[in-house]
């Protein structure tokens, strides 16, 4: 199925999201769609998927103009899309969620989905470790991403659109996904890969299309372009700012103590987690998705009930079983799902930026009074659109991430819990968030940073602790840590790495 988008234009008020965009999708080819947050990539693909309608332009399939006015119409034409924000039903099992969108699901299936094996066939290929009869509410974000992909693969679509599919996947999960993408294209489908990760591009894309501020600025064969050249095309500049590592303060005193923490949430359990973080230290948490990372973050931030243990900051107990959280928390929290648990979608960007300080404002405050302060934070974090009165729900996933970072990294928190803080962000935005995070560390904050990007953890963290089945499998100083050592801990093994070079 050959799909052509011609002259696609889309406005949101004064904002021109897509400006006369052309793009061809060819059977058997993977196209990587790149650009900064807010460049118009997701908008263009949502128009192709029928989730939004263009103000001008035309879509042709095999040379014939078509009208795609809904996702149902897109699916009928053989177009499937995995969104950055998931569409799973948490109360249902993985199998039931897959059955909901499967083209061969009988109307009478009901709770008999367990005997219906067809929906989980693709899931077995890309994520054999995910239990089909587990409720989706108990999955980690990376696991949800793989379930969403399996839903689209079940459609046998002629066009498959993936929006930031590897943003929360481990290296092993990403490699499985790349293999699956190559297999889909080899089967004759056209694949669009919206991504900010250059490794995604060179792993499986034959062609790369770059958007900037709503326009298509380049379409190139992947084999003819270098990573540096792609970065320059994306940002429109010869040089790209990168975050600078934080120098470790010698003999810094512990500022935060996560003391023998145990907790259970829908996302999993942790048991006996004991970590001390010095003032100015960045402690990275690595692990295969679903091993307690989200529960640890929620427990430290006060969003999960503790079964045992304490969270102590500057000598004060902030969290403990049956203890009330202090009115003024010293903890800043960047959660892994901003839309779900970090913003009020129907309120404005300005109000969302003020939520942590709302109790200190005069009770007669009007949202318009927030605008001046909000504009400063919007500019600092390059949140798009720049209108402080736009609703949070109107922001893309990457811009929601920037909104939460702008709010949580204001002030002077003593402890920062950052859970995948740059998920879905472009290179420039990721560097800005890292710099804001690291600036607090330089001023003496303790940082607990959860990530599945080992490259970034090894580059910026001072130590890395690995979670496996809710427990700390090992802790290493990044100056001596090796990928093999960390990888072994992630799957519950231990190895002798004394003779190995660091970061090998």
Foldseek 3Di string as FASTA:
>chain_A
DKKWWFQFWADDVVATQAGGAIDIFFWLFEEEEEAFFSLNPVVVVCCLQQVDPTPDTFMDDPRHTDHRNHNVSNLVQQEEEQAPDHDADQQAFLLVRLLVLAPPRDPPCPPVSVVVPLLCPVVCQLPVPGDRRQGNLQFFPLSRLSSSVSSSVNSLGQEYEYALSCLAAFPVSLLSVLVVVSVSSNVTHGYYYHHQDVCSCVSHGQKYWYGGSNYTDDIGGPVVDDPQRVVCRRVVDNDADFADAFDDDPPFDFFKWFAQWWFQDSNAIAGGATDTFGFLAEEEEAAGGSQCLQVVQCQLVVNTATPATFIAGNNDTQHGHPDDGDPQALEFEQHPQCVVPQADQAFFLLCSLCVSVVVVDPPPDDSVVSLVVSLVLCVLLVQPPSHRRHGNNPGGPQSSLSSSLSNRLPDQRQEYEAASSRRSGHRNNVRSSVNSVSVSSNVTHGYYYYGSPVVVCLNHGQKYFYGGNNYTQDIGGSCADEPVQNVQSNDPHHDDCVPPHHPD
